[in-house]
Amino acid sequence: MTESEWTTRKTRIDARLRSLNPAWEIIPYHGGLDTSKLTRHAVEEYPTNHGPADYALFVNGRLLGILEAKKVGVSSQNVLEQAKRYAAGCPKTIGAWGFF
């Protein structure tokens, strides 16, 4: 199967986030974004110390996790390592994600 990362994000991940009850709101990152006001948001291209994460999940102003998308066929181990780096590079998290 050939599917780009962008297609995976838009047809699989965005659709899944929006289908949840309650649905997640997907928003792009922009300078000056006040994350303390995010209630159930997936922020696209969220900056970390190790590059932008595909999605940063915020609930009630707190960063709860990172979602990293890859095209179908990419090893899950590669995605896991990248997500770990991004999570470790996130400031103001609820946990010590830098320790695995």
PDB file of N, CA and C in Angstrom:
ATOM      1  N   MET A   1       0.851  -1.180   0.000  1.00  0.00           N
ATOM      2  CA  MET A   1       0.000   0.000   0.000  1.00  0.00           C
ATOM      3  C   MET A   1       0.893   1.238   0.000  1.00  0.00           C
ATOM      4  N   THR A   2       0.614   2.170  -0.877  1.00  0.00           N
ATOM      5  CA  THR A   2       1.342   3.424  -0.932  1.00  0.00           C
ATOM      6  C   THR A   2       0.425   4.529  -0.449  1.00  0.00           C
ATOM      7  N   GLU A   3       0.852   5.179   0.615  1.00  0.00           N
ATOM      8  CA  GLU A   3       0.061   6.262   1.193  1.00  0.00           C
ATOM      9  C   GLU A   3       1.035   7.230   1.840  1.00  0.00           C
ATOM     10  N   SER A   4       0.930   8.488   1.520  1.00  0.00           N
ATOM     11  CA  SER A   4       1.842   9.474   2.090  1.00  0.00           C
ATOM     12  C   SER A   4       1.531   9.711   3.561  1.00  0.00           C
ATOM     13  N   GLU A   5       2.494  10.286   4.260  1.00  0.00           N
ATOM     14  CA  GLU A   5       2.257  10.629   5.665  1.00  0.00           C
ATOM     15  C   GLU A   5       1.111  11.620   5.785  1.00  0.00           C
ATOM     16  N   TRP A   6       1.048  12.590   4.896  1.00  0.00           N
ATOM     17  CA  TRP A   6      -0.024  13.575   4.936  1.00  0.00           C
ATOM     18  C   TRP A   6      -1.386  12.898   4.801  1.00  0.00           C
ATOM     19  N   THR A   7      -1.492  11.934   3.876  1.00  0.00           N
ATOM     20  CA  THR A   7      -2.745  11.198   3.690  1.00  0.00           C
ATOM     21  C   THR A   7      -3.091  10.399   4.933  1.00  0.00           C
ATOM     22  N   THR A   8      -2.092   9.767   5.529  1.00  0.00           N
ATOM     23  CA  THR A   8      -2.320   9.024   6.770  1.00  0.00           C
ATOM     24  C   THR A   8      -2.874   9.947   7.840  1.00  0.00           C
ATOM     25  N   ARG A   9      -2.281  11.124   7.974  1.00  0.00           N
ATOM     26  CA  ARG A   9      -2.739  12.074   8.989  1.00  0.00           C
ATOM     27  C   ARG A   9      -4.179  12.497   8.742  1.00  0.00           C
ATOM     28  N   LYS A  10      -4.474  12.909   7.521  1.00  0.00           N
ATOM     29  CA  LYS A  10      -5.783  13.481   7.230  1.00  0.00           C
ATOM     30  C   LYS A  10      -6.894  12.437   7.168  1.00  0.00           C
ATOM     31  N   THR A  11      -6.614  11.274   6.577  1.00  0.00           N
ATOM     32  CA  THR A  11      -7.685  10.284   6.413  1.00  0.00           C
ATOM     33  C   THR A  11      -7.806   9.319   7.585  1.00  0.00           C
ATOM     34  N   ARG A  12      -6.741   9.124   8.316  1.00  0.00           N
ATOM     35  CA  ARG A  12      -6.792   8.159   9.417  1.00  0.00           C
ATOM     36  C   ARG A  12      -6.800   8.833  10.786  1.00  0.00           C
ATOM     37  N   ILE A  13      -5.783   9.641  11.078  1.00  0.00           N
ATOM     38  CA  ILE A  13      -5.647  10.194  12.427  1.00  0.00           C
ATOM     39  C   ILE A  13      -6.662  11.301  12.674  1.00  0.00           C
ATOM     40  N   ASP A  14      -6.754  12.281  11.762  1.00  0.00           N
ATOM     41  CA  ASP A  14      -7.735  13.357  11.956  1.00  0.00           C
ATOM     42  C   ASP A  14      -9.142  12.780  12.071  1.00  0.00           C
ATOM     43  N   ALA A  15      -9.459  11.845  11.202  1.00  0.00           N
ATOM     44  CA  ALA A  15     -10.800  11.244  11.229  1.00  0.00           C
ATOM     45  C   ALA A  15     -11.069  10.545  12.560  1.00  0.00           C
ATOM     46  N   ARG A  16     -10.081   9.849  13.075  1.00  0.00           N
ATOM     47  CA  ARG A  16     -10.257   9.139  14.345  1.00  0.00           C
ATOM     48  C   ARG A  16     -10.429  10.122  15.501  1.00  0.00           C
ATOM     49  N   LEU A  17      -9.612  11.166  15.533  1.00  0.00           N
ATOM     50  CA  LEU A  17      -9.729  12.159  16.605  1.00  0.00           C
ATOM     51  C   LEU A  17     -11.094  12.841  16.579  1.00  0.00           C
ATOM     52  N   ARG A  18     -11.575  13.154  15.394  1.00  0.00           N
ATOM     53  CA  ARG A  18     -12.876  13.831  15.273  1.00  0.00           C
ATOM     54  C   ARG A  18     -14.053  12.904  15.537  1.00  0.00           C
ATOM     55  N   SER A  19     -13.845  11.598  15.417  1.00  0.00           N
ATOM     56  CA  SER A  19     -14.949  10.654  15.629  1.00  0.00           C
ATOM     57  C   SER A  19     -15.167  10.310  17.099  1.00  0.00           C
ATOM     58  N   LEU A  20     -14.232  10.698  17.946  1.00  0.00           N
ATOM     59  CA  LEU A  20     -14.369  10.405  19.377  1.00  0.00           C
ATOM     60  C   LEU A  20     -15.492  11.244  19.977  1.00  0.00           C
ATOM     61  N   ASN A  21     -16.022  10.771  21.083  1.00  0.00           N
ATOM     62  CA  ASN A  21     -17.109  11.485  21.742  1.00  0.00           C
ATOM     63  C   ASN A  21     -16.714  11.802  23.168  1.00  0.00           C
ATOM     64  N   PRO A  22     -16.398  13.054  23.479  1.00  0.00           N
ATOM     65  CA  PRO A  22     -16.446  14.216  22.598  1.00  0.00           C
ATOM     66  C   PRO A  22     -15.259  14.227  21.639  1.00  0.00           C
ATOM     67  N   ALA A  23     -15.482  14.894  20.535  1.00  0.00           N
ATOM     68  CA  ALA A  23     -14.459  14.973  19.490  1.00  0.00           C
ATOM     69  C   ALA A  23     -13.316  15.888  19.912  1.00  0.00           C
ATOM     70  N   TRP A  24     -12.143  15.609  19.381  1.00  0.00           N
ATOM     71  CA  TRP A  24     -10.991  16.489  19.558  1.00  0.00           C
ATOM     72  C   TRP A  24     -11.041  17.554  18.483  1.00  0.00           C
ATOM     73  N   GLU A  25     -10.649  18.770  18.828  1.00  0.00           N
ATOM     74  CA  GLU A  25     -10.515  19.829  17.838  1.00  0.00           C
ATOM     75  C   GLU A  25      -9.064  19.841  17.388  1.00  0.00           C
ATOM     76  N   ILE A  26      -8.855  19.820  16.088  1.00  0.00           N
ATOM     77  CA  ILE A  26      -7.509  19.801  15.515  1.00  0.00           C
ATOM     78  C   ILE A  26      -7.195  21.207  15.037  1.00  0.00           C
ATOM     79  N   ILE A  27      -6.103  21.782  15.574  1.00  0.00           N
ATOM     80  CA  ILE A  27      -5.729  23.151  15.228  1.00  0.00           C
ATOM     81  C   ILE A  27      -4.243  23.195  14.878  1.00  0.00           C
ATOM     82  N   PRO A  28      -3.865  24.120  14.007  1.00  0.00           N
ATOM     83  CA  PRO A  28      -2.442  24.262  13.695  1.00  0.00           C
ATOM     84  C   PRO A  28      -1.740  25.052  14.786  1.00  0.00           C
ATOM     85  N   TYR A  29      -0.466  24.768  14.989  1.00  0.00           N
ATOM     86  CA  TYR A  29       0.325  25.563  15.921  1.00  0.00           C
ATOM     87  C   TYR A  29       0.615  26.922  15.279  1.00  0.00           C
ATOM     88  N   HIS A  30       0.633  27.956  16.109  1.00  0.00           N
ATOM     89  CA  HIS A  30       1.075  29.272  15.657  1.00  0.00           C
ATOM     90  C   HIS A  30       1.718  29.976  16.836  1.00  0.00           C
ATOM     91  N   GLY A  31       2.642  30.865  16.536  1.00  0.00           N
ATOM     92  CA  GLY A  31       3.298  31.628  17.592  1.00  0.00           C
ATOM     93  C   GLY A  31       2.261  32.368  18.422  1.00  0.00           C
ATOM     94  N   GLY A  32       2.428  32.373  19.707  1.00  0.00           N
ATOM     95  CA  GLY A  32       1.486  33.051  20.585  1.00  0.00           C
ATOM     96  C   GLY A  32       0.301  32.193  20.995  1.00  0.00           C
ATOM     97  N   LEU A  33       0.258  30.930  20.582  1.00  0.00           N
ATOM     98  CA  LEU A  33      -0.837  30.045  20.969  1.00  0.00           C
ATOM     99  C   LEU A  33      -0.853  29.881  22.484  1.00  0.00           C
ATOM    100  N   ASP A  34      -1.968  30.174  23.108  1.00  0.00           N
ATOM    101  CA  ASP A  34      -2.113  30.033  24.558  1.00  0.00           C
ATOM    102  C   ASP A  34      -2.632  28.631  24.862  1.00  0.00           C
ATOM    103  N   THR A  35      -1.717  27.719  25.142  1.00  0.00           N
ATOM    104  CA  THR A  35      -2.106  26.328  25.371  1.00  0.00           C
ATOM    105  C   THR A  35      -2.891  26.148  26.665  1.00  0.00           C
ATOM    106  N   SER A  36      -2.828  27.101  27.569  1.00  0.00           N
ATOM    107  CA  SER A  36      -3.579  26.973  28.825  1.00  0.00           C
ATOM    108  C   SER A  36      -5.083  27.009  28.580  1.00  0.00           C
ATOM    109  N   LYS A  37      -5.509  27.463  27.422  1.00  0.00           N
ATOM    110  CA  LYS A  37      -6.929  27.552  27.101  1.00  0.00           C
ATOM    111  C   LYS A  37      -7.434  26.370  26.272  1.00  0.00           C
ATOM    112  N   LEU A  38      -6.560  25.438  25.974  1.00  0.00           N
ATOM    113  CA  LEU A  38      -6.948  24.292  25.139  1.00  0.00           C
ATOM    114  C   LEU A  38      -7.612  23.226  25.998  1.00  0.00           C
ATOM    115  N   THR A  39      -8.835  22.856  25.643  1.00  0.00           N
ATOM    116  CA  THR A  39      -9.605  21.922  26.462  1.00  0.00           C
ATOM    117  C   THR A  39      -9.545  20.480  25.975  1.00  0.00           C
ATOM    118  N   ARG A  40      -9.608  20.272  24.708  1.00  0.00           N
ATOM    119  CA  ARG A  40      -9.522  18.936  24.094  1.00  0.00           C
ATOM    120  C   ARG A  40      -9.055  19.154  22.664  1.00  0.00           C
ATOM    121  N   HIS A  41      -7.761  19.481  22.550  1.00  0.00           N
ATOM    122  CA  HIS A  41      -7.203  19.913  21.274  1.00  0.00           C
ATOM    123  C   HIS A  41      -5.984  19.090  20.881  1.00  0.00           C
ATOM    124  N   ALA A  42      -5.911  18.812  19.597  1.00  0.00           N
ATOM    125  CA  ALA A  42      -4.720  18.219  18.996  1.00  0.00           C
ATOM    126  C   ALA A  42      -4.064  19.335  18.195  1.00  0.00           C
ATOM    127  N   VAL A  43      -2.879  19.750  18.615  1.00  0.00           N
ATOM    128  CA  VAL A  43      -2.177  20.854  17.966  1.00  0.00           C
ATOM    129  C   VAL A  43      -1.193  20.265  16.963  1.00  0.00           C
ATOM    130  N   GLU A  44      -1.390  20.605  15.686  1.00  0.00           N
ATOM    131  CA  GLU A  44      -0.522  20.100  14.630  1.00  0.00           C
ATOM    132  C   GLU A  44       0.795  20.864  14.584  1.00  0.00           C
ATOM    133  N   GLU A  45       1.871  20.129  14.281  1.00  0.00           N
ATOM    134  CA  GLU A  45       3.207  20.711  14.122  1.00  0.00           C
ATOM    135  C   GLU A  45       3.651  21.473  15.374  1.00  0.00           C
ATOM    136  N   TYR A  46       3.417  20.856  16.535  1.00  0.00           N
ATOM    137  CA  TYR A  46       3.768  21.472  17.807  1.00  0.00           C
ATOM    138  C   TYR A  46       5.287  21.440  17.994  1.00  0.00           C
ATOM    139  N   PRO A  47       5.919  22.595  18.246  1.00  0.00           N
ATOM    140  CA  PRO A  47       7.383  22.628  18.344  1.00  0.00           C
ATOM    141  C   PRO A  47       7.894  21.957  19.618  1.00  0.00           C
ATOM    142  N   THR A  48       8.959  21.204  19.456  1.00  0.00           N
ATOM    143  CA  THR A  48       9.675  20.608  20.584  1.00  0.00           C
ATOM    144  C   THR A  48      11.148  20.958  20.418  1.00  0.00           C
ATOM    145  N   ASN A  49      11.955  20.618  21.384  1.00  0.00           N
ATOM    146  CA  ASN A  49      13.398  20.848  21.284  1.00  0.00           C
ATOM    147  C   ASN A  49      14.057  19.957  20.238  1.00  0.00           C
ATOM    148  N   HIS A  50      13.304  18.977  19.711  1.00  0.00           N
ATOM    149  CA  HIS A  50      13.861  18.023  18.743  1.00  0.00           C
ATOM    150  C   HIS A  50      13.121  18.040  17.416  1.00  0.00           C
ATOM    151  N   GLY A  51      12.394  19.118  17.139  1.00  0.00           N
ATOM    152  CA  GLY A  51      11.639  19.229  15.897  1.00  0.00           C
ATOM    153  C   GLY A  51      10.150  19.233  16.177  1.00  0.00           C
ATOM    154  N   PRO A  52       9.342  19.542  15.168  1.00  0.00           N
ATOM    155  CA  PRO A  52       7.895  19.625  15.384  1.00  0.00           C
ATOM    156  C   PRO A  52       7.245  18.240  15.443  1.00  0.00           C
ATOM    157  N   ALA A  53       6.397  18.053  16.433  1.00  0.00           N
ATOM    158  CA  ALA A  53       5.619  16.822  16.555  1.00  0.00           C
ATOM    159  C   ALA A  53       4.374  16.953  15.686  1.00  0.00           C
ATOM    160  N   ASP A  54       3.924  15.857  15.106  1.00  0.00           N
ATOM    161  CA  ASP A  54       2.741  15.904  14.253  1.00  0.00           C
ATOM    162  C   ASP A  54       1.521  16.400  15.027  1.00  0.00           C
ATOM    163  N   TYR A  55       1.325  15.902  16.227  1.00  0.00           N
ATOM    164  CA  TYR A  55       0.214  16.331  17.072  1.00  0.00           C
ATOM    165  C   TYR A  55       0.673  16.363  18.532  1.00  0.00           C
ATOM    166  N   ALA A  56       0.269  17.398  19.239  1.00  0.00           N
ATOM    167  CA  ALA A  56       0.428  17.456  20.691  1.00  0.00           C
ATOM    168  C   ALA A  56      -0.987  17.506  21.258  1.00  0.00           C
ATOM    169  N   LEU A  57      -1.284  16.616  22.180  1.00  0.00           N
ATOM    170  CA  LEU A  57      -2.639  16.498  22.719  1.00  0.00           C
ATOM    171  C   LEU A  57      -2.751  17.258  24.030  1.00  0.00           C
ATOM    172  N   PHE A  58      -3.664  18.224  24.058  1.00  0.00           N
ATOM    173  CA  PHE A  58      -3.888  19.056  25.239  1.00  0.00           C
ATOM    174  C   PHE A  58      -5.297  18.839  25.782  1.00  0.00           C
ATOM    175  N   VAL A  59      -5.384  18.682  27.100  1.00  0.00           N
ATOM    176  CA  VAL A  59      -6.670  18.614  27.795  1.00  0.00           C
ATOM    177  C   VAL A  59      -6.588  19.562  28.978  1.00  0.00           C
ATOM    178  N   ASN A  60      -7.559  20.453  29.060  1.00  0.00           N
ATOM    179  CA  ASN A  60      -7.616  21.431  30.144  1.00  0.00           C
ATOM    180  C   ASN A  60      -6.283  22.153  30.347  1.00  0.00           C
ATOM    181  N   GLY A  61      -5.669  22.549  29.234  1.00  0.00           N
ATOM    182  CA  GLY A  61      -4.439  23.326  29.278  1.00  0.00           C
ATOM    183  C   GLY A  61      -3.180  22.551  29.560  1.00  0.00           C
ATOM    184  N   ARG A  62      -3.273  21.235  29.627  1.00  0.00           N
ATOM    185  CA  ARG A  62      -2.094  20.415  29.946  1.00  0.00           C
ATOM    186  C   ARG A  62      -1.743  19.502  28.786  1.00  0.00           C
ATOM    187  N   LEU A  63      -0.458  19.460  28.490  1.00  0.00           N
ATOM    188  CA  LEU A  63       0.027  18.581  27.433  1.00  0.00           C
ATOM    189  C   LEU A  63       0.048  17.154  27.955  1.00  0.00           C
ATOM    190  N   LEU A  64      -0.759  16.294  27.319  1.00  0.00           N
ATOM    191  CA  LEU A  64      -0.873  14.908  27.776  1.00  0.00           C
ATOM    192  C   LEU A  64      -0.098  13.915  26.931  1.00  0.00           C
ATOM    193  N   GLY A  65       0.173  14.245  25.695  1.00  0.00           N
ATOM    194  CA  GLY A  65       0.868  13.272  24.870  1.00  0.00           C
ATOM    195  C   GLY A  65       1.198  13.800  23.494  1.00  0.00           C
ATOM    196  N   ILE A  66       1.984  13.020  22.806  1.00  0.00           N
ATOM    197  CA  ILE A  66       2.438  13.323  21.455  1.00  0.00           C
ATOM    198  C   ILE A  66       1.994  12.186  20.542  1.00  0.00           C
ATOM    199  N   LEU A  67       1.443  12.549  19.375  1.00  0.00           N
ATOM    200  CA  LEU A  67       1.130  11.574  18.332  1.00  0.00           C
ATOM    201  C   LEU A  67       2.056  11.853  17.160  1.00  0.00           C
ATOM    202  N   GLU A  68       2.718  10.837  16.689  1.00  0.00           N
ATOM    203  CA  GLU A  68       3.608  10.986  15.544  1.00  0.00           C
ATOM    204  C   GLU A  68       3.096  10.084  14.430  1.00  0.00           C
ATOM    205  N   ALA A  69       2.792  10.656  13.294  1.00  0.00           N
ATOM    206  CA  ALA A  69       2.244   9.921  12.158  1.00  0.00           C
ATOM    207  C   ALA A  69       3.355   9.518  11.197  1.00  0.00           C
ATOM    208  N   LYS A  70       3.148   8.404  10.571  1.00  0.00           N
ATOM    209  CA  LYS A  70       4.034   7.958   9.495  1.00  0.00           C
ATOM    210  C   LYS A  70       3.179   7.304   8.431  1.00  0.00           C
ATOM    211  N   LYS A  71       3.696   7.279   7.224  1.00  0.00           N
ATOM    212  CA  LYS A  71       2.949   6.611   6.164  1.00  0.00           C
ATOM    213  C   LYS A  71       2.860   5.120   6.470  1.00  0.00           C
ATOM    214  N   VAL A  72       1.848   4.494   5.927  1.00  0.00           N
ATOM    215  CA  VAL A  72       1.655   3.062   6.114  1.00  0.00           C
ATOM    216  C   VAL A  72       2.890   2.328   5.607  1.00  0.00           C
ATOM    217  N   GLY A  73       3.357   1.364   6.380  1.00  0.00           N
ATOM    218  CA  GLY A  73       4.511   0.582   5.988  1.00  0.00           C
ATOM    219  C   GLY A  73       5.783   0.949   6.723  1.00  0.00           C
ATOM    220  N   VAL A  74       5.793   2.068   7.439  1.00  0.00           N
ATOM    221  CA  VAL A  74       6.966   2.460   8.219  1.00  0.00           C
ATOM    222  C   VAL A  74       6.950   1.688   9.531  1.00  0.00           C
ATOM    223  N   SER A  75       8.096   1.207   9.946  1.00  0.00           N
ATOM    224  CA  SER A  75       8.221   0.424  11.170  1.00  0.00           C
ATOM    225  C   SER A  75       7.737   1.201  12.392  1.00  0.00           C
ATOM    226  N   SER A  76       6.944   0.564  13.219  1.00  0.00           N
ATOM    227  CA  SER A  76       6.445   1.215  14.437  1.00  0.00           C
ATOM    228  C   SER A  76       7.590   1.559  15.387  1.00  0.00           C
ATOM    229  N   GLN A  77       8.662   0.810  15.370  1.00  0.00           N
ATOM    230  CA  GLN A  77       9.803   1.107  16.234  1.00  0.00           C
ATOM    231  C   GLN A  77      10.426   2.446  15.870  1.00  0.00           C
ATOM    232  N   ASN A  78      10.514   2.761  14.571  1.00  0.00           N
ATOM    233  CA  ASN A  78      11.039   4.064  14.147  1.00  0.00           C
ATOM    234  C   ASN A  78      10.154   5.196  14.636  1.00  0.00           C
ATOM    235  N   VAL A  79       8.868   5.020  14.569  1.00  0.00           N
ATOM    236  CA  VAL A  79       7.924   6.044  15.025  1.00  0.00           C
ATOM    237  C   VAL A  79       8.038   6.216  16.531  1.00  0.00           C
ATOM    238  N   LEU A  80       8.152   5.127  17.263  1.00  0.00           N
ATOM    239  CA  LEU A  80       8.253   5.186  18.714  1.00  0.00           C
ATOM    240  C   LEU A  80       9.479   5.976  19.142  1.00  0.00           C
ATOM    241  N   GLU A  81      10.612   5.735  18.518  1.00  0.00           N
ATOM    242  CA  GLU A  81      11.833   6.451  18.882  1.00  0.00           C
ATOM    243  C   GLU A  81      11.706   7.947  18.595  1.00  0.00           C
ATOM    244  N   GLN A  82      11.108   8.292  17.475  1.00  0.00           N
ATOM    245  CA  GLN A  82      10.915   9.701  17.150  1.00  0.00           C
ATOM    246  C   GLN A  82       9.952  10.350  18.138  1.00  0.00           C
ATOM    247  N   ALA A  83       8.860   9.691  18.465  1.00  0.00           N
ATOM    248  CA  ALA A  83       7.901  10.229  19.426  1.00  0.00           C
ATOM    249  C   ALA A  83       8.545  10.400  20.805  1.00  0.00           C
ATOM    250  N   LYS A  84       9.407   9.480  21.192  1.00  0.00           N
ATOM    251  CA  LYS A  84      10.117   9.608  22.473  1.00  0.00           C
ATOM    252  C   LYS A  84      10.983  10.867  22.490  1.00  0.00           C
ATOM    253  N   ARG A  85      11.710  11.108  21.396  1.00  0.00           N
ATOM    254  CA  ARG A  85      12.551  12.314  21.317  1.00  0.00           C
ATOM    255  C   ARG A  85      11.706  13.574  21.417  1.00  0.00           C
ATOM    256  N   TYR A  86      10.620  13.607  20.690  1.00  0.00           N
ATOM    257  CA  TYR A  86       9.757  14.788  20.718  1.00  0.00           C
ATOM    258  C   TYR A  86       9.159  14.982  22.107  1.00  0.00           C
ATOM    259  N   ALA A  87       8.702  13.913  22.717  1.00  0.00           N
ATOM    260  CA  ALA A  87       8.113  14.014  24.055  1.00  0.00           C
ATOM    261  C   ALA A  87       9.148  14.503  25.061  1.00  0.00           C
ATOM    262  N   ALA A  88      10.369  14.004  24.957  1.00  0.00           N
ATOM    263  CA  ALA A  88      11.424  14.437  25.876  1.00  0.00           C
ATOM    264  C   ALA A  88      11.763  15.912  25.674  1.00  0.00           C
ATOM    265  N   GLY A  89      11.501  16.442  24.491  1.00  0.00           N
ATOM    266  CA  GLY A  89      11.812  17.831  24.186  1.00  0.00           C
ATOM    267  C   GLY A  89      10.651  18.790  24.392  1.00  0.00           C
ATOM    268  N   CYS A  90       9.592  18.330  25.047  1.00  0.00           N
ATOM    269  CA  CYS A  90       8.428  19.189  25.291  1.00  0.00           C
ATOM    270  C   CYS A  90       8.547  19.881  26.640  1.00  0.00           C
ATOM    271  N   PRO A  91       8.484  21.191  26.634  1.00  0.00           N
ATOM    272  CA  PRO A  91       8.477  21.912  27.913  1.00  0.00           C
ATOM    273  C   PRO A  91       7.085  21.880  28.540  1.00  0.00           C
ATOM    274  N   LYS A  92       7.029  22.079  29.826  1.00  0.00           N
ATOM    275  CA  LYS A  92       5.768  22.243  30.555  1.00  0.00           C
ATOM    276  C   LYS A  92       4.821  21.057  30.390  1.00  0.00           C
ATOM    277  N   THR A  93       5.315  19.860  30.602  1.00  0.00           N
ATOM    278  CA  THR A  93       4.472  18.678  30.506  1.00  0.00           C
ATOM    279  C   THR A  93       4.011  18.272  31.893  1.00  0.00           C
ATOM    280  N   ILE A  94       3.129  17.273  31.954  1.00  0.00           N
ATOM    281  CA  ILE A  94       2.643  16.810  33.258  1.00  0.00           C
ATOM    282  C   ILE A  94       3.507  15.698  33.833  1.00  0.00           C
ATOM    283  N   GLY A  95       4.473  15.229  33.066  1.00  0.00           N
ATOM    284  CA  GLY A  95       5.298  14.123  33.545  1.00  0.00           C
ATOM    285  C   GLY A  95       6.742  14.286  33.122  1.00  0.00           C
ATOM    286  N   ALA A  96       7.576  13.394  33.611  1.00  0.00           N
ATOM    287  CA  ALA A  96       9.000  13.381  33.269  1.00  0.00           C
ATOM    288  C   ALA A  96       9.189  12.477  32.070  1.00  0.00           C
ATOM    289  N   TRP A  97       8.834  12.957  30.877  1.00  0.00           N
ATOM    290  CA  TRP A  97       8.874  12.147  29.684  1.00  0.00           C
ATOM    291  C   TRP A  97      10.279  11.886  29.188  1.00  0.00           C
ATOM    292  N   GLY A  98      11.262  12.559  29.740  1.00  0.00           N
ATOM    293  CA  GLY A  98      12.620  12.375  29.279  1.00  0.00           C
ATOM    294  C   GLY A  98      13.276  11.116  29.799  1.00  0.00           C
ATOM    295  N   PHE A  99      12.591  10.332  30.601  1.00  0.00           N
ATOM    296  CA  PHE A  99      13.180   9.143  31.212  1.00  0.00           C
ATOM    297  C   PHE A  99      12.443   7.911  30.743  1.00  0.00           C
ATOM    298  N   PHE A 100      13.108   7.097  29.888  1.00  0.00           N
ATOM    299  CA  PHE A 100      12.487   5.888  29.353  1.00  0.00           C
ATOM    300  C   PHE A 100      13.276   4.691  29.754  1.00  0.00           C
TER     301      PHE A 100
END
